[in-house]
Protein backbone atom coordinates (compact mmCIF):
# COMPACT_ATOMS: atom_id res chain seq x y z
CA UNK A 1 -24.41 10.63 4.77
CA UNK A 2 -22.06 7.71 4.10
CA UNK A 3 -21.38 9.01 0.60
CA UNK A 4 -20.45 12.44 1.99
CA UNK A 5 -18.11 10.89 4.56
CA UNK A 6 -16.54 8.70 1.88
CA UNK A 7 -16.10 11.70 -0.42
CA UNK A 8 -14.34 13.68 2.32
CA UNK A 9 -12.05 10.73 3.11
CA UNK A 10 -11.20 10.35 -0.58
CA UNK A 11 -10.38 14.05 -0.95
CA UNK A 12 -8.08 13.93 2.10
CA UNK A 13 -6.37 10.78 0.77
CA UNK A 14 -5.92 12.17 -2.75
CA UNK A 15 -4.55 15.46 -1.42
CA UNK A 16 -2.21 13.70 1.02
CA UNK A 17 -0.93 11.28 -1.63
CA UNK A 18 -0.26 14.04 -4.15
CA UNK A 19 1.31 16.46 -1.68
CA UNK A 20 3.33 13.72 0.02
CA UNK A 21 4.64 12.58 -3.37
CA UNK A 22 5.46 16.20 -4.29
CA UNK A 23 7.42 16.69 -1.05
CA UNK A 24 9.26 13.42 -1.62
CA UNK A 25 10.27 14.46 -5.14
CA UNK A 26 11.47 17.82 -3.77
CA UNK A 27 13.75 16.06 -1.29
CA UNK A 28 17.40 16.05 -2.32
CA UNK A 29 18.94 13.53 0.05
CA UNK A 30 18.03 10.51 2.10
CA UNK A 31 15.38 7.83 1.94
CA UNK A 32 12.77 8.15 -0.84
CA UNK A 33 13.84 11.53 -2.21
CA UNK A 34 13.95 13.36 -5.57
CA UNK A 35 12.54 11.75 -8.72
CA UNK A 36 13.87 8.39 -7.56
CA UNK A 37 10.98 8.43 -5.09
CA UNK A 38 8.78 7.25 -7.97
CA UNK A 39 10.69 3.96 -7.94
CA UNK A 40 9.49 3.12 -4.42
CA UNK A 41 6.48 0.97 -3.57
CA UNK A 42 5.34 3.68 -1.16
CA UNK A 43 4.89 6.31 -3.85
CA UNK A 44 3.54 3.89 -6.42
CA UNK A 45 0.92 2.54 -4.00
CA UNK A 46 -0.03 6.12 -3.06
CA UNK A 47 -0.54 6.98 -6.71
CA UNK A 48 -2.56 3.79 -7.24
CA UNK A 49 -4.97 4.57 -4.41
CA UNK A 50 -5.17 8.26 -5.36
CA UNK A 51 -6.07 7.34 -8.95
CA UNK A 52 -8.58 4.80 -7.70
CA UNK A 53 -10.20 7.34 -5.38
CA UNK A 54 -10.47 9.83 -8.25
CA UNK A 55 -12.30 7.13 -10.22
CA UNK A 56 -14.55 6.29 -7.26
CA UNK A 57 -15.23 9.97 -6.63
CA UNK A 58 -16.43 10.39 -10.21
CA UNK A 59 -18.81 7.43 -10.11
CA UNK A 60 -19.78 7.37 -6.42
CA UNK A 61 -23.11 9.04 -6.97
CA UNK A 62 -24.18 6.46 -9.54
CA UNK A 63 -26.58 3.98 -7.99
CA UNK A 64 -24.82 0.79 -9.17
CA UNK A 65 -21.22 1.85 -8.71
CA UNK A 66 -20.23 -1.27 -6.73
CA UNK A 67 -22.26 -3.82 -8.67
CA UNK A 68 -19.24 -4.75 -10.76
CA UNK A 69 -17.18 -7.55 -9.18
CA UNK A 70 -14.04 -6.07 -10.72
CA UNK A 71 -14.66 -2.75 -8.94
CA UNK A 72 -15.08 -4.51 -5.60
CA UNK A 73 -11.92 -6.57 -6.07
CA UNK A 74 -9.86 -3.58 -7.17
CA UNK A 75 -10.96 -1.57 -4.15
CA UNK A 76 -9.89 -4.45 -1.88
CA UNK A 77 -6.56 -4.89 -3.72
CA UNK A 78 -5.61 -1.19 -3.61
CA UNK A 79 -6.66 -0.91 0.03
CA UNK A 80 -4.48 -3.85 1.05
CA UNK A 81 -1.61 -2.51 -1.09
CA UNK A 82 -1.58 0.87 0.65
CA UNK A 83 -2.15 -0.76 4.05
CA UNK A 84 1.03 -2.77 3.49
CA UNK A 85 2.82 0.54 2.91
CA UNK A 86 1.75 1.80 6.33
CA UNK A 87 2.47 -1.41 8.24
CA UNK A 88 5.91 -2.00 6.71
CA UNK A 89 6.94 1.62 7.33
CA UNK A 90 5.83 1.80 10.95
CA UNK A 91 6.92 -1.72 11.95
CA UNK A 92 10.06 -2.27 9.83
CA UNK A 93 11.43 0.87 8.19
CA UNK A 94 10.81 3.68 10.70
CA UNK A 95 12.99 2.08 13.42
CA UNK A 96 15.93 2.02 10.98
CA UNK A 97 15.67 5.67 9.84
CA UNK A 98 17.18 8.67 11.69
CA UNK A 99 14.18 10.98 11.22
CA UNK A 100 11.34 8.85 9.87
CA UNK A 101 8.30 10.98 10.64
CA UNK A 102 8.84 13.86 8.25
CA UNK A 103 5.71 15.35 6.71
CA UNK A 104 6.07 13.49 3.41
CA UNK A 105 6.49 10.19 5.25
CA UNK A 106 3.53 10.83 7.55
CA UNK A 107 1.28 11.72 4.62
CA UNK A 108 2.26 8.79 2.39
CA UNK A 109 2.81 6.13 5.05
CA UNK A 110 0.22 6.99 7.69
CA UNK A 111 -2.51 9.39 6.53
CA UNK A 112 -3.24 7.81 3.14
CA UNK A 113 -3.27 4.20 4.44
CA UNK A 114 -5.59 5.17 7.31
CA UNK A 115 -7.95 6.96 4.92
CA UNK A 116 -8.07 3.92 2.64
CA UNK A 117 -8.81 1.53 5.52
CA UNK A 118 -11.55 3.76 6.93
CA UNK A 119 -13.10 4.28 3.50
CA UNK A 120 -13.43 0.60 2.63
CA UNK A 121 -15.51 0.07 5.76
CA UNK A 122 -17.57 3.21 5.12
CA UNK A 123 -18.34 1.73 1.68
CA UNK A 124 -18.69 -1.86 2.92
CA UNK A 125 -22.49 -1.93 2.84
CA UNK A 126 -22.34 -1.38 -0.95
CA UNK A 127 -19.60 -3.95 -1.64
CA UNK A 128 -19.87 -7.59 -2.63
CA UNK A 129 -16.82 -9.79 -2.14
CA UNK A 130 -16.44 -13.54 -2.46
CA UNK A 131 -14.51 -15.59 0.09
CA UNK A 132 -11.37 -16.06 -1.99
CA UNK A 133 -11.18 -12.61 -3.60
CA UNK A 134 -8.36 -11.80 -1.18
CA UNK A 135 -5.92 -13.86 -3.29
CA UNK A 136 -5.83 -11.00 -5.82
CA UNK A 137 -4.17 -8.84 -3.17
CA UNK A 138 -0.78 -10.42 -3.91
CA UNK A 139 -0.72 -8.95 -7.44
CA UNK A 140 0.67 -5.45 -6.60
CA UNK A 141 3.43 -6.77 -4.30
CA UNK A 142 4.39 -9.45 -6.84
CA UNK A 143 4.58 -6.76 -9.51
CA UNK A 144 6.79 -4.62 -7.26
CA UNK A 145 9.01 -7.54 -6.32
CA UNK A 146 9.66 -8.13 -10.04
CA UNK A 147 10.07 -4.37 -10.62
CA UNK A 148 12.63 -4.01 -7.80
CA UNK A 149 14.49 -7.15 -8.89
CA UNK A 150 14.80 -5.75 -12.42
CA UNK A 151 16.11 -2.54 -10.86
CA UNK A 152 18.65 -4.50 -8.83
CA UNK A 153 19.92 -6.39 -11.88
CA UNK A 154 20.13 -3.21 -13.95
CA UNK A 155 21.73 -1.17 -11.14
CA UNK A 156 19.04 1.48 -10.87
CA UNK A 157 19.83 4.07 -8.21
CA UNK A 158 17.00 3.88 -5.68
CA UNK A 159 18.81 5.60 -2.79
CA UNK A 160 22.09 7.24 -3.69
CA UNK A 161 24.16 4.50 -5.31
CA UNK A 162 22.11 1.66 -3.83
CA UNK A 163 20.45 -0.56 -6.42
CA UNK A 164 17.61 -1.68 -4.15
CA UNK A 165 14.74 0.30 -2.58
CA UNK A 166 14.44 -1.39 0.83
CA UNK A 167 16.96 -3.38 2.84
CA UNK A 168 14.75 -6.46 2.71
CA UNK A 169 14.91 -6.46 -1.11
CA UNK A 170 18.70 -6.40 -1.24
CA UNK A 171 19.77 -9.54 -3.11
CA UNK A 172 23.35 -8.74 -2.16
CA UNK A 173 22.51 -8.87 1.54
CA UNK A 174 25.35 -9.87 3.91
CA UNK A 175 23.25 -12.87 4.98
CA UNK A 176 22.67 -13.94 1.40
CA UNK A 177 19.35 -14.65 -0.27
CA UNK A 178 18.22 -17.28 2.27
CA UNK A 179 20.43 -16.68 5.30
CA UNK A 180 19.60 -15.48 8.80
CA UNK A 181 21.25 -13.06 11.24
CA UNK A 182 20.72 -11.69 14.76
CA UNK A 183 21.16 -8.18 13.37
CA UNK A 184 19.67 -6.20 10.47
CA UNK A 185 18.61 -7.37 7.92
CA UNK A 186 17.89 -10.45 10.12
CA UNK A 187 17.18 -12.68 7.14
CA UNK A 188 17.65 -12.89 3.39
CA UNK A 189 15.21 -11.36 0.87
CA UNK A 190 13.63 -14.71 0.03
CA UNK A 191 12.31 -15.03 3.58
CA UNK A 192 11.23 -11.37 3.65
CA UNK A 193 9.25 -11.91 0.45
CA UNK A 194 7.59 -15.01 1.89
CA UNK A 195 6.80 -13.18 5.14
CA UNK A 196 5.33 -10.16 3.34
CA UNK A 197 3.33 -12.40 0.99
CA UNK A 198 1.86 -14.21 4.01
CA UNK A 199 1.10 -10.86 5.66
CA UNK A 200 -0.64 -9.62 2.49
CA UNK A 201 -2.76 -12.75 2.23
CA UNK A 202 -3.69 -12.51 5.89
CA UNK A 203 -4.58 -8.82 5.54
CA UNK A 204 -6.65 -9.51 2.43
CA UNK A 205 -8.46 -12.34 4.20
CA UNK A 206 -9.25 -10.17 7.25
CA UNK A 207 -10.39 -7.24 5.11
CA UNK A 208 -12.65 -9.55 3.09
CA UNK A 209 -14.24 -11.00 6.22
CA UNK A 210 -14.76 -7.58 7.80
CA UNK A 211 -16.19 -6.04 4.63
CA UNK A 212 -18.66 -8.92 4.32
CA UNK A 213 -19.57 -8.53 8.00
CA UNK A 214 -20.05 -4.77 7.68
CA UNK A 215 -22.03 -5.27 4.47
CA UNK A 216 -24.35 -7.79 6.13
CA UNK A 217 -24.79 -5.56 9.19
CA UNK A 218 -25.54 -2.54 7.01
CA UNK A 219 -28.17 -4.40 5.00
CA UNK A 220 -29.85 -5.68 8.16
CA UNK A 221 -30.25 -2.10 9.34
CA UNK A 222 -31.96 -1.04 6.13
């Protein structure tokens, strides 16, 4: 039964990620639109989790699918990565956008992250994580931080003529790299990066604890 539920969740997530990305690419103006959408962490993290779910869907009926430590760690890492997408959008980005809850945004920022979070707990009884595996969760955000910084230096057009994807990754911020303000963007990108890194580590730590708890509970019921 758990495998069936997990399969349904994966199909919904894959479909939502692909369709949400398609709608974003079709968009002609505004935040995360046209082919530039592929430059955003949102779309990249959606494609990561969609690709991972395709892989899991292919192997999920094999008895030892989660025996590999690498598989367990990657599932945790991609789940935290897409969860960050949802949290940052709802808590930080949505309040700054005129019409944030368009279908493409709902699919990529809400539906897919929720599916990923639910699925990791559905699969928890088959997962094995070590206490400090959560440290790997910083890898995707670090990659994207470097990616966006390269884009900033090379003047890539993320949104219109802007050479940064999100206001908190704007190295030309009015408050500077390490300044503070009572208005948006409130603080420089260095502090945003530190805050998001701390959030990612905390999320990874909580997910690891909960997965281990669910795994232990599931085994006790068997």
